[in-house]
């Protein structure tokens, strides 16, 4: 039996989680990947990795039967809201069917020779589930507010969340529904922090203007190091079947990031609005109430926003995108 299995270990969050767990217990964590969103050279040769498509029911069943991990972090997903508009089919298939396959694989392991198999499954859900419920009177939003997602990605995350709950209630498969709010760090792609950092790095090399979308929205931006700490604590101390918001303590107006990047890069930026960077729908503020997480686990965010931006900018400077 292996201690930990991470699906989606070649995503931004999964890669940092794999690093943390391997540092604590070398070789105890196995990370799976399929269509990586991070540079595989950041991971290959350093950690135990295996290719796995979570939409392949039999491959997932075989992997979990073979490894029987005591903790499963199910992070594999199509995680971009923008992509979910253009390919809702793949988004729903990956996120919903993939989640079913993980839980059904646990059931199959119990039915085929391991009736006492009792892993903790931490499912990466999302603040995107709340959607239209993120109104002024509901923010910071608590876990009991009804989900009203505004894009297919959010819908897929509601489905993952509810699937986890029903497998707990009906099959007694221990699980945590981790509702992850805006998180960033090195290797992140297609969020405002990594996009800004990549553009600033490009401007530092070639000049030009910083193209921006909506600067008035407000986002609670969490460092991936703090998110990883929360996920590990929830696996150890979370109440099975429960949902927990994982969110920074305050929300920042997106426009406030620009002077911080100017400070870190040591330059003044020319800012240009780009209509192509505006979304069809965009929640005015995304901020979650994290009291339940703190009270259950003792978690506290520790990384300041400027230190997060510094780490992301340094990564983009070292690994320039086209």
C-alpha atoms as a PDB file:
ATOM      1  CA  UNK A   1       0.000   0.000   0.000  1.00  0.00           C
ATOM      2  CA  UNK A   2       1.147   3.517  -0.817  1.00  0.00           C
ATOM      3  CA  UNK A   3       0.584   6.439   1.480  1.00  0.00           C
ATOM      4  CA  UNK A   4      -0.738   8.992  -1.029  1.00  0.00           C
ATOM      5  CA  UNK A   5      -2.077   9.193  -4.582  1.00  0.00           C
ATOM      6  CA  UNK A   6      -2.455  12.563  -6.314  1.00  0.00           C
ATOM      7  CA  UNK A   7      -4.451  12.728  -9.537  1.00  0.00           C
ATOM      8  CA  UNK A   8      -3.569  15.764 -11.620  1.00  0.00           C
ATOM      9  CA  UNK A   9      -0.039  16.014 -10.214  1.00  0.00           C
ATOM     10  CA  UNK A  10       1.101  17.792 -13.377  1.00  0.00           C
ATOM     11  CA  UNK A  11      -1.191  20.706 -12.682  1.00  0.00           C
ATOM     12  CA  UNK A  12      -0.079  23.732 -10.712  1.00  0.00           C
ATOM     13  CA  UNK A  13      -1.612  22.725  -7.376  1.00  0.00           C
ATOM     14  CA  UNK A  14      -0.837  19.032  -7.775  1.00  0.00           C
ATOM     15  CA  UNK A  15       2.814  19.673  -8.559  1.00  0.00           C
ATOM     16  CA  UNK A  16       3.306  21.762  -5.434  1.00  0.00           C
ATOM     17  CA  UNK A  17       1.416  19.231  -3.312  1.00  0.00           C
ATOM     18  CA  UNK A  18       3.610  16.424  -4.676  1.00  0.00           C
ATOM     19  CA  UNK A  19       6.738  18.422  -3.848  1.00  0.00           C
ATOM     20  CA  UNK A  20       5.586  19.044  -0.274  1.00  0.00           C
ATOM     21  CA  UNK A  21       4.581  15.444   0.408  1.00  0.00           C
ATOM     22  CA  UNK A  22       7.705  13.984  -1.167  1.00  0.00           C
ATOM     23  CA  UNK A  23       9.913  16.311   0.874  1.00  0.00           C
ATOM     24  CA  UNK A  24       8.217  15.041   4.038  1.00  0.00           C
ATOM     25  CA  UNK A  25       8.334  11.342   3.061  1.00  0.00           C
ATOM     26  CA  UNK A  26      10.370  10.581  -0.077  1.00  0.00           C
ATOM     27  CA  UNK A  27       8.679   8.047  -2.320  1.00  0.00           C
ATOM     28  CA  UNK A  28       5.467   7.869  -0.288  1.00  0.00           C
ATOM     29  CA  UNK A  29       3.415   9.878  -2.801  1.00  0.00           C
ATOM     30  CA  UNK A  30       2.599   8.857  -6.376  1.00  0.00           C
ATOM     31  CA  UNK A  31       1.471  11.566  -8.757  1.00  0.00           C
ATOM     32  CA  UNK A  32      -0.559  10.862 -11.896  1.00  0.00           C
ATOM     33  CA  UNK A  33      -0.729  13.091 -14.944  1.00  0.00           C
ATOM     34  CA  UNK A  34      -2.545  13.385 -18.255  1.00  0.00           C
ATOM     35  CA  UNK A  35      -2.223  16.389 -20.576  1.00  0.00           C
ATOM     36  CA  UNK A  36       0.099  18.266 -18.191  1.00  0.00           C
ATOM     37  CA  UNK A  37      -0.419  21.985 -17.664  1.00  0.00           C
ATOM     38  CA  UNK A  38       2.998  22.484 -16.043  1.00  0.00           C
ATOM     39  CA  UNK A  39       6.430  21.885 -17.536  1.00  0.00           C
ATOM     40  CA  UNK A  40       7.124  18.192 -17.088  1.00  0.00           C
ATOM     41  CA  UNK A  41      10.834  18.954 -16.778  1.00  0.00           C
ATOM     42  CA  UNK A  42       9.948  20.564 -13.429  1.00  0.00           C
ATOM     43  CA  UNK A  43       8.776  17.136 -12.202  1.00  0.00           C
ATOM     44  CA  UNK A  44      10.226  14.300 -14.271  1.00  0.00           C
ATOM     45  CA  UNK A  45      13.066  12.444 -12.590  1.00  0.00           C
ATOM     46  CA  UNK A  46      12.353  14.054  -9.242  1.00  0.00           C
ATOM     47  CA  UNK A  47       9.144  12.303  -8.178  1.00  0.00           C
ATOM     48  CA  UNK A  48       7.176   9.105  -8.697  1.00  0.00           C
ATOM     49  CA  UNK A  49       4.871   9.745 -11.648  1.00  0.00           C
ATOM     50  CA  UNK A  50       2.460   7.654 -13.716  1.00  0.00           C
ATOM     51  CA  UNK A  51       0.296   8.577 -16.673  1.00  0.00           C
ATOM     52  CA  UNK A  52      -3.417   8.158 -15.925  1.00  0.00           C
ATOM     53  CA  UNK A  53      -6.522   9.400 -17.706  1.00  0.00           C
ATOM     54  CA  UNK A  54      -9.173   9.702 -14.986  1.00  0.00           C
ATOM     55  CA  UNK A  55     -11.827   9.244 -17.660  1.00  0.00           C
ATOM     56  CA  UNK A  56     -10.527   5.695 -18.215  1.00  0.00           C
ATOM     57  CA  UNK A  57     -12.605   3.804 -15.672  1.00  0.00           C
ATOM     58  CA  UNK A  58     -10.606   0.606 -15.799  1.00  0.00           C
ATOM     59  CA  UNK A  59      -7.234   2.338 -15.561  1.00  0.00           C
ATOM     60  CA  UNK A  60      -8.362   4.237 -12.470  1.00  0.00           C
ATOM     61  CA  UNK A  61      -9.725   1.066 -10.919  1.00  0.00           C
ATOM     62  CA  UNK A  62      -6.467  -0.774 -11.595  1.00  0.00           C
ATOM     63  CA  UNK A  63      -4.341   2.065 -10.177  1.00  0.00           C
ATOM     64  CA  UNK A  64      -6.263   2.303  -6.920  1.00  0.00           C
ATOM     65  CA  UNK A  65      -6.508  -1.489  -6.524  1.00  0.00           C
ATOM     66  CA  UNK A  66      -2.739  -1.763  -7.024  1.00  0.00           C
ATOM     67  CA  UNK A  67      -1.681   1.140  -4.796  1.00  0.00           C
ATOM     68  CA  UNK A  68      -4.492   1.248  -2.212  1.00  0.00           C
ATOM     69  CA  UNK A  69      -3.409   4.717  -1.048  1.00  0.00           C
ATOM     70  CA  UNK A  70      -4.529   5.815   2.389  1.00  0.00           C
ATOM     71  CA  UNK A  71      -5.104   9.346   1.061  1.00  0.00           C
ATOM     72  CA  UNK A  72      -6.284  10.299  -2.426  1.00  0.00           C
ATOM     73  CA  UNK A  73      -6.067  13.909  -3.526  1.00  0.00           C
ATOM     74  CA  UNK A  74      -8.335  14.108  -6.564  1.00  0.00           C
ATOM     75  CA  UNK A  75      -7.101  17.209  -8.377  1.00  0.00           C
ATOM     76  CA  UNK A  76      -7.295  16.055 -12.014  1.00  0.00           C
ATOM     77  CA  UNK A  77      -9.668  18.340 -13.905  1.00  0.00           C
ATOM     78  CA  UNK A  78     -10.290  20.627 -16.829  1.00  0.00           C
ATOM     79  CA  UNK A  79      -9.823  23.683 -14.646  1.00  0.00           C
ATOM     80  CA  UNK A  80     -10.257  26.719 -16.912  1.00  0.00           C
ATOM     81  CA  UNK A  81     -13.639  28.511 -16.962  1.00  0.00           C
ATOM     82  CA  UNK A  82     -12.743  30.081 -20.322  1.00  0.00           C
ATOM     83  CA  UNK A  83     -12.120  26.663 -21.900  1.00  0.00           C
ATOM     84  CA  UNK A  84     -15.391  25.377 -20.464  1.00  0.00           C
ATOM     85  CA  UNK A  85     -17.286  27.865 -22.634  1.00  0.00           C
ATOM     86  CA  UNK A  86     -15.726  26.488 -25.811  1.00  0.00           C
ATOM     87  CA  UNK A  87     -15.666  22.816 -24.767  1.00  0.00           C
ATOM     88  CA  UNK A  88     -18.309  22.143 -22.121  1.00  0.00           C
ATOM     89  CA  UNK A  89     -18.453  18.480 -23.184  1.00  0.00           C
ATOM     90  CA  UNK A  90     -14.839  17.743 -22.263  1.00  0.00           C
ATOM     91  CA  UNK A  91     -15.096  19.836 -19.102  1.00  0.00           C
ATOM     92  CA  UNK A  92     -18.099  17.925 -17.782  1.00  0.00           C
ATOM     93  CA  UNK A  93     -16.719  14.576 -18.883  1.00  0.00           C
ATOM     94  CA  UNK A  94     -13.331  15.056 -17.248  1.00  0.00           C
ATOM     95  CA  UNK A  95     -14.534  16.606 -14.028  1.00  0.00           C
ATOM     96  CA  UNK A  96     -17.688  14.595 -13.423  1.00  0.00           C
ATOM     97  CA  UNK A  97     -16.852  11.213 -14.945  1.00  0.00           C
ATOM     98  CA  UNK A  98     -13.330  11.385 -13.530  1.00  0.00           C
ATOM     99  CA  UNK A  99     -14.713  11.905 -10.031  1.00  0.00           C
ATOM    100  CA  UNK A 100     -17.145   9.020 -10.406  1.00  0.00           C
ATOM    101  CA  UNK A 101     -14.291   6.779 -11.526  1.00  0.00           C
ATOM    102  CA  UNK A 102     -12.209   7.563  -8.436  1.00  0.00           C
ATOM    103  CA  UNK A 103     -15.039   6.770  -6.021  1.00  0.00           C
ATOM    104  CA  UNK A 104     -16.141   3.705  -7.961  1.00  0.00           C
ATOM    105  CA  UNK A 105     -12.547   2.447  -7.883  1.00  0.00           C
ATOM    106  CA  UNK A 106     -12.607   2.638  -4.084  1.00  0.00           C
ATOM    107  CA  UNK A 107     -15.867   0.681  -4.100  1.00  0.00           C
ATOM    108  CA  UNK A 108     -14.358  -1.910  -6.440  1.00  0.00           C
ATOM    109  CA  UNK A 109     -11.281  -2.318  -4.223  1.00  0.00           C
ATOM    110  CA  UNK A 110     -13.541  -2.994  -1.259  1.00  0.00           C
ATOM    111  CA  UNK A 111     -15.553  -5.522  -3.244  1.00  0.00           C
ATOM    112  CA  UNK A 112     -12.472  -7.323  -4.566  1.00  0.00           C
ATOM    113  CA  UNK A 113     -10.491  -8.447  -1.576  1.00  0.00           C
ATOM    114  CA  UNK A 114     -10.101  -5.338   0.580  1.00  0.00           C
ATOM    115  CA  UNK A 115     -13.424  -4.830   2.436  1.00  0.00           C
ATOM    116  CA  UNK A 116     -11.719  -2.696   5.082  1.00  0.00           C
ATOM    117  CA  UNK A 117     -10.138  -0.297   2.587  1.00  0.00           C
ATOM    118  CA  UNK A 118     -10.928   3.165   3.972  1.00  0.00           C
ATOM    119  CA  UNK A 119      -9.019   5.997   2.268  1.00  0.00           C
ATOM    120  CA  UNK A 120      -9.640   9.700   2.736  1.00  0.00           C
ATOM    121  CA  UNK A 121     -10.508  11.269  -0.625  1.00  0.00           C
ATOM    122  CA  UNK A 122      -9.913  15.022  -0.865  1.00  0.00           C
ATOM    123  CA  UNK A 123     -11.834  16.355  -3.861  1.00  0.00           C
ATOM    124  CA  UNK A 124     -10.727  19.663  -5.357  1.00  0.00           C
ATOM    125  CA  UNK A 125     -13.958  21.611  -5.689  1.00  0.00           C
ATOM    126  CA  UNK A 126     -14.113  25.329  -6.450  1.00  0.00           C
ATOM    127  CA  UNK A 127     -15.420  28.758  -5.505  1.00  0.00           C
ATOM    128  CA  UNK A 128     -16.821  28.802  -9.056  1.00  0.00           C
ATOM    129  CA  UNK A 129     -19.690  26.747  -7.625  1.00  0.00           C
ATOM    130  CA  UNK A 130     -21.103  29.821  -5.890  1.00  0.00           C
ATOM    131  CA  UNK A 131     -21.367  32.007  -8.995  1.00  0.00           C
ATOM    132  CA  UNK A 132     -24.387  34.297  -8.813  1.00  0.00           C
ATOM    133  CA  UNK A 133     -24.659  33.706  -5.065  1.00  0.00           C
ATOM    134  CA  UNK A 134     -21.537  35.861  -4.641  1.00  0.00           C
ATOM    135  CA  UNK A 135     -23.608  38.960  -3.913  1.00  0.00           C
ATOM    136  CA  UNK A 136     -22.737  41.814  -1.566  1.00  0.00           C
ATOM    137  CA  UNK A 137     -24.927  40.429   1.224  1.00  0.00           C
ATOM    138  CA  UNK A 138     -23.370  36.935   0.962  1.00  0.00           C
ATOM    139  CA  UNK A 139     -19.678  37.911   0.837  1.00  0.00           C
ATOM    140  CA  UNK A 140     -17.559  36.528   2.409  1.00  0.00           C
ATOM    141  CA  UNK A 141     -19.560  33.516   1.322  1.00  0.00           C
ATOM    142  CA  UNK A 142     -20.090  30.536   3.625  1.00  0.00           C
ATOM    143  CA  UNK A 143     -20.330  26.866   2.706  1.00  0.00           C
ATOM    144  CA  UNK A 144     -24.108  26.701   3.205  1.00  0.00           C
ATOM    145  CA  UNK A 145     -24.967  29.311   0.539  1.00  0.00           C
ATOM    146  CA  UNK A 146     -26.701  27.733  -2.506  1.00  0.00           C
ATOM    147  CA  UNK A 147     -24.511  27.172  -5.586  1.00  0.00           C
ATOM    148  CA  UNK A 148     -25.461  29.187  -8.677  1.00  0.00           C
ATOM    149  CA  UNK A 149     -22.554  28.642 -11.114  1.00  0.00           C
ATOM    150  CA  UNK A 150     -22.125  31.027 -14.029  1.00  0.00           C
ATOM    151  CA  UNK A 151     -20.219  28.803 -16.468  1.00  0.00           C
ATOM    152  CA  UNK A 152     -19.925  25.106 -17.385  1.00  0.00           C
ATOM    153  CA  UNK A 153     -16.769  24.746 -15.289  1.00  0.00           C
ATOM    154  CA  UNK A 154     -18.687  25.892 -12.203  1.00  0.00           C
ATOM    155  CA  UNK A 155     -21.475  23.449 -13.011  1.00  0.00           C
ATOM    156  CA  UNK A 156     -18.943  20.614 -13.242  1.00  0.00           C
ATOM    157  CA  UNK A 157     -17.546  21.534  -9.816  1.00  0.00           C
ATOM    158  CA  UNK A 158     -21.011  21.502  -8.248  1.00  0.00           C
ATOM    159  CA  UNK A 159     -21.430  18.009  -9.652  1.00  0.00           C
ATOM    160  CA  UNK A 160     -18.068  16.879  -8.206  1.00  0.00           C
ATOM    161  CA  UNK A 161     -19.017  18.303  -4.827  1.00  0.00           C
ATOM    162  CA  UNK A 162     -22.394  16.579  -4.727  1.00  0.00           C
ATOM    163  CA  UNK A 163     -20.958  13.297  -5.977  1.00  0.00           C
ATOM    164  CA  UNK A 164     -18.470  13.319  -3.119  1.00  0.00           C
ATOM    165  CA  UNK A 165     -21.263  13.977  -0.644  1.00  0.00           C
ATOM    166  CA  UNK A 166     -23.453  11.139  -1.925  1.00  0.00           C
ATOM    167  CA  UNK A 167     -20.578   8.633  -1.938  1.00  0.00           C
ATOM    168  CA  UNK A 168     -20.000   9.523   1.704  1.00  0.00           C
ATOM    169  CA  UNK A 169     -23.661   9.223   2.660  1.00  0.00           C
ATOM    170  CA  UNK A 170     -24.400   6.095   0.637  1.00  0.00           C
ATOM    171  CA  UNK A 171     -21.081   4.233   0.541  1.00  0.00           C
ATOM    172  CA  UNK A 172     -19.327   5.687   3.608  1.00  0.00           C
ATOM    173  CA  UNK A 173     -16.287   6.607   1.528  1.00  0.00           C
ATOM    174  CA  UNK A 174     -14.573   9.252   3.607  1.00  0.00           C
ATOM    175  CA  UNK A 175     -14.108  12.448   1.651  1.00  0.00           C
ATOM    176  CA  UNK A 176     -13.485  16.166   1.958  1.00  0.00           C
ATOM    177  CA  UNK A 177     -15.092  18.676  -0.391  1.00  0.00           C
ATOM    178  CA  UNK A 178     -12.357  21.313  -0.642  1.00  0.00           C
ATOM    179  CA  UNK A 179     -13.845  24.448  -2.205  1.00  0.00           C
ATOM    180  CA  UNK A 180     -10.748  26.189  -3.481  1.00  0.00           C
ATOM    181  CA  UNK A 181     -10.842  29.928  -4.122  1.00  0.00           C
ATOM    182  CA  UNK A 182      -8.439  31.894  -6.331  1.00  0.00           C
ATOM    183  CA  UNK A 183      -4.981  30.393  -5.831  1.00  0.00           C
ATOM    184  CA  UNK A 184      -1.768  31.119  -7.663  1.00  0.00           C
ATOM    185  CA  UNK A 185       1.930  30.378  -7.621  1.00  0.00           C
ATOM    186  CA  UNK A 186       4.822  29.382  -9.884  1.00  0.00           C
ATOM    187  CA  UNK A 187       3.709  27.173 -12.817  1.00  0.00           C
ATOM    188  CA  UNK A 188       0.193  28.623 -12.806  1.00  0.00           C
ATOM    189  CA  UNK A 189      -1.318  29.435 -16.175  1.00  0.00           C
ATOM    190  CA  UNK A 190      -4.362  31.451 -17.275  1.00  0.00           C
ATOM    191  CA  UNK A 191      -5.164  33.348 -14.093  1.00  0.00           C
ATOM    192  CA  UNK A 192      -4.766  37.078 -13.580  1.00  0.00           C
ATOM    193  CA  UNK A 193      -1.564  36.841 -11.534  1.00  0.00           C
ATOM    194  CA  UNK A 194       0.294  34.513 -13.903  1.00  0.00           C
ATOM    195  CA  UNK A 195      -1.021  36.396 -16.939  1.00  0.00           C
ATOM    196  CA  UNK A 196       0.146  39.728 -15.528  1.00  0.00           C
ATOM    197  CA  UNK A 197       3.503  38.223 -14.519  1.00  0.00           C
ATOM    198  CA  UNK A 198       4.064  36.706 -17.968  1.00  0.00           C
ATOM    199  CA  UNK A 199       3.231  40.029 -19.659  1.00  0.00           C
ATOM    200  CA  UNK A 200       5.459  41.978 -17.281  1.00  0.00           C
ATOM    201  CA  UNK A 201       8.322  39.560 -17.964  1.00  0.00           C
ATOM    202  CA  UNK A 202       7.763  39.991 -21.708  1.00  0.00           C
ATOM    203  CA  UNK A 203       7.689  43.785 -21.347  1.00  0.00           C
ATOM    204  CA  UNK A 204      10.937  43.676 -19.372  1.00  0.00           C
ATOM    205  CA  UNK A 205      12.591  41.882 -22.311  1.00  0.00           C
ATOM    206  CA  UNK A 206      10.917  43.465 -25.311  1.00  0.00           C
ATOM    207  CA  UNK A 207       8.988  46.543 -24.143  1.00  0.00           C
ATOM    208  CA  UNK A 208       5.327  47.229 -24.852  1.00  0.00           C
ATOM    209  CA  UNK A 209       2.164  47.806 -22.848  1.00  0.00           C
ATOM    210  CA  UNK A 210       0.405  45.720 -20.207  1.00  0.00           C
ATOM    211  CA  UNK A 211      -2.867  44.541 -21.727  1.00  0.00           C
ATOM    212  CA  UNK A 212      -5.623  44.153 -19.151  1.00  0.00           C
ATOM    213  CA  UNK A 213      -9.250  43.135 -18.842  1.00  0.00           C
ATOM    214  CA  UNK A 214     -11.618  44.065 -16.028  1.00  0.00           C
ATOM    215  CA  UNK A 215      -9.593  45.769 -13.284  1.00  0.00           C
ATOM    216  CA  UNK A 216     -12.557  46.425 -10.989  1.00  0.00           C
ATOM    217  CA  UNK A 217     -13.351  42.867  -9.917  1.00  0.00           C
ATOM    218  CA  UNK A 218     -12.095  41.824  -6.493  1.00  0.00           C
ATOM    219  CA  UNK A 219     -10.457  38.488  -5.778  1.00  0.00           C
ATOM    220  CA  UNK A 220      -9.094  36.812  -2.665  1.00  0.00           C
ATOM    221  CA  UNK A 221      -5.741  35.554  -3.938  1.00  0.00           C
ATOM    222  CA  UNK A 222      -4.192  32.665  -2.012  1.00  0.00           C
ATOM    223  CA  UNK A 223      -0.629  31.422  -2.365  1.00  0.00           C
ATOM    224  CA  UNK A 224      -0.341  27.792  -3.504  1.00  0.00           C
ATOM    225  CA  UNK A 225       1.887  27.062  -0.506  1.00  0.00           C
ATOM    226  CA  UNK A 226      -0.958  27.999   1.826  1.00  0.00           C
ATOM    227  CA  UNK A 227      -3.416  25.963  -0.242  1.00  0.00           C
ATOM    228  CA  UNK A 228      -1.195  22.873  -0.021  1.00  0.00           C
ATOM    229  CA  UNK A 229      -1.034  23.272   3.752  1.00  0.00           C
ATOM    230  CA  UNK A 230      -4.844  23.460   3.899  1.00  0.00           C
ATOM    231  CA  UNK A 231      -5.317  20.338   1.766  1.00  0.00           C
ATOM    232  CA  UNK A 232      -2.931  18.306   3.921  1.00  0.00           C
ATOM    233  CA  UNK A 233      -4.569  19.487   7.134  1.00  0.00           C
ATOM    234  CA  UNK A 234      -8.028  18.650   5.788  1.00  0.00           C
ATOM    235  CA  UNK A 235      -6.890  15.134   4.859  1.00  0.00           C
ATOM    236  CA  UNK A 236      -5.648  14.704   8.434  1.00  0.00           C
ATOM    237  CA  UNK A 237      -8.274  16.584  10.453  1.00  0.00           C
ATOM    238  CA  UNK A 238     -11.287  17.319   8.256  1.00  0.00           C
ATOM    239  CA  UNK A 239     -14.739  15.956   9.058  1.00  0.00           C
ATOM    240  CA  UNK A 240     -15.625  13.327   6.424  1.00  0.00           C
ATOM    241  CA  UNK A 241     -18.363  14.414   4.042  1.00  0.00           C
ATOM    242  CA  UNK A 242     -18.014  18.095   4.890  1.00  0.00           C
ATOM    243  CA  UNK A 243     -17.298  21.052   2.592  1.00  0.00           C
ATOM    244  CA  UNK A 244     -14.614  23.595   3.478  1.00  0.00           C
ATOM    245  CA  UNK A 245     -13.814  26.900   1.806  1.00  0.00           C
ATOM    246  CA  UNK A 246     -10.071  27.413   1.288  1.00  0.00           C
ATOM    247  CA  UNK A 247      -9.649  31.117   0.773  1.00  0.00           C
ATOM    248  CA  UNK A 248      -7.373  34.045   1.570  1.00  0.00           C
ATOM    249  CA  UNK A 249      -8.456  36.437   4.296  1.00  0.00           C
ATOM    250  CA  UNK A 250      -9.116  39.467   2.083  1.00  0.00           C
ATOM    251  CA  UNK A 251     -10.007  40.367  -1.486  1.00  0.00           C
ATOM    252  CA  UNK A 252      -7.887  42.605  -3.690  1.00  0.00           C
ATOM    253  CA  UNK A 253      -9.142  44.767  -6.540  1.00  0.00           C
ATOM    254  CA  UNK A 254      -7.368  43.464  -9.643  1.00  0.00           C
ATOM    255  CA  UNK A 255      -6.119  46.944 -10.469  1.00  0.00           C
ATOM    256  CA  UNK A 256      -4.201  46.946  -7.175  1.00  0.00           C
ATOM    257  CA  UNK A 257      -1.873  44.264  -8.523  1.00  0.00           C
ATOM    258  CA  UNK A 258      -0.360  46.595 -11.112  1.00  0.00           C
ATOM    259  CA  UNK A 259       1.632  48.862  -8.738  1.00  0.00           C
ATOM    260  CA  UNK A 260       2.862  45.757  -6.898  1.00  0.00           C
ATOM    261  CA  UNK A 261       4.193  44.326 -10.152  1.00  0.00           C
ATOM    262  CA  UNK A 262       5.742  47.700 -10.993  1.00  0.00           C
ATOM    263  CA  UNK A 263       7.512  47.641  -7.627  1.00  0.00           C
ATOM    264  CA  UNK A 264       8.775  44.075  -8.117  1.00  0.00           C
ATOM    265  CA  UNK A 265       9.889  44.638 -11.718  1.00  0.00           C
ATOM    266  CA  UNK A 266      11.387  48.065 -11.031  1.00  0.00           C
ATOM    267  CA  UNK A 267       9.577  49.740 -13.936  1.00  0.00           C
ATOM    268  CA  UNK A 268       6.538  51.838 -14.765  1.00  0.00           C
ATOM    269  CA  UNK A 269       3.949  50.014 -16.848  1.00  0.00           C
ATOM    270  CA  UNK A 270       1.800  51.431 -19.624  1.00  0.00           C
ATOM    271  CA  UNK A 271      -1.652  49.900 -19.211  1.00  0.00           C
ATOM    272  CA  UNK A 272      -4.010  49.242 -22.141  1.00  0.00           C
ATOM    273  CA  UNK A 273      -7.529  47.809 -21.924  1.00  0.00           C
ATOM    274  CA  UNK A 274      -8.128  44.804 -24.212  1.00  0.00           C
ATOM    275  CA  UNK A 275     -11.791  43.859 -24.897  1.00  0.00           C
ATOM    276  CA  UNK A 276     -10.694  40.283 -25.675  1.00  0.00           C
ATOM    277  CA  UNK A 277      -9.686  39.832 -22.027  1.00  0.00           C
ATOM    278  CA  UNK A 278     -13.183  40.518 -20.681  1.00  0.00           C
ATOM    279  CA  UNK A 279     -15.301  37.447 -19.807  1.00  0.00           C
ATOM    280  CA  UNK A 280     -18.963  36.886 -20.785  1.00  0.00           C
ATOM    281  CA  UNK A 281     -19.788  36.883 -17.047  1.00  0.00           C
ATOM    282  CA  UNK A 282     -17.524  37.849 -14.190  1.00  0.00           C
ATOM    283  CA  UNK A 283     -18.355  37.782 -10.489  1.00  0.00           C
ATOM    284  CA  UNK A 284     -17.759  41.289  -9.026  1.00  0.00           C
ATOM    285  CA  UNK A 285     -16.099  39.849  -5.921  1.00  0.00           C
ATOM    286  CA  UNK A 286     -14.954  36.347  -4.954  1.00  0.00           C
ATOM    287  CA  UNK A 287     -14.234  35.997  -1.255  1.00  0.00           C
ATOM    288  CA  UNK A 288     -15.020  33.034   0.947  1.00  0.00           C
ATOM    289  CA  UNK A 289     -15.555  32.672   4.649  1.00  0.00           C
ATOM    290  CA  UNK A 290     -12.746  30.410   5.866  1.00  0.00           C
ATOM    291  CA  UNK A 291     -13.799  30.184   9.525  1.00  0.00           C
ATOM    292  CA  UNK A 292     -14.883  26.544   9.292  1.00  0.00           C
ATOM    293  CA  UNK A 293     -11.499  25.485   7.907  1.00  0.00           C
ATOM    294  CA  UNK A 294      -9.585  27.411  10.559  1.00  0.00           C
ATOM    295  CA  UNK A 295     -11.653  26.103  13.446  1.00  0.00           C
ATOM    296  CA  UNK A 296     -11.451  22.483  12.295  1.00  0.00           C
ATOM    297  CA  UNK A 297      -7.760  22.336  11.346  1.00  0.00           C
ATOM    298  CA  UNK A 298      -5.981  25.349  12.845  1.00  0.00           C
ATOM    299  CA  UNK A 299      -4.956  26.505   9.362  1.00  0.00           C
ATOM    300  CA  UNK A 300      -3.861  30.086   8.777  1.00  0.00           C
ATOM    301  CA  UNK A 301      -2.597  31.672   5.544  1.00  0.00           C
ATOM    302  CA  UNK A 302       1.005  32.774   5.984  1.00  0.00           C
ATOM    303  CA  UNK A 303       2.276  34.090   2.617  1.00  0.00           C
ATOM    304  CA  UNK A 304       1.820  37.807   1.853  1.00  0.00           C
ATOM    305  CA  UNK A 305       0.469  38.745  -1.578  1.00  0.00           C
ATOM    306  CA  UNK A 306       3.615  40.613  -2.593  1.00  0.00           C
ATOM    307  CA  UNK A 307       5.676  37.481  -1.856  1.00  0.00           C
ATOM    308  CA  UNK A 308       3.312  35.426  -4.006  1.00  0.00           C
ATOM    309  CA  UNK A 309       3.654  37.894  -6.884  1.00  0.00           C
ATOM    310  CA  UNK A 310       7.436  37.886  -6.452  1.00  0.00           C
ATOM    311  CA  UNK A 311       7.568  34.079  -6.753  1.00  0.00           C
ATOM    312  CA  UNK A 312       5.319  34.023  -9.830  1.00  0.00           C
ATOM    313  CA  UNK A 313       7.214  36.845 -11.553  1.00  0.00           C
ATOM    314  CA  UNK A 314      10.547  35.137 -10.861  1.00  0.00           C
ATOM    315  CA  UNK A 315       9.222  31.922 -12.415  1.00  0.00           C
ATOM    316  CA  UNK A 316       7.965  33.765 -15.502  1.00  0.00           C
ATOM    317  CA  UNK A 317      11.261  35.579 -15.893  1.00  0.00           C
ATOM    318  CA  UNK A 318      13.119  32.260 -15.732  1.00  0.00           C
ATOM    319  CA  UNK A 319      10.674  30.401 -18.005  1.00  0.00           C
ATOM    320  CA  UNK A 320       9.415  32.893 -20.601  1.00  0.00           C
ATOM    321  CA  UNK A 321       6.257  31.964 -22.437  1.00  0.00           C
ATOM    322  CA  UNK A 322       6.045  32.514 -26.219  1.00  0.00           C
END
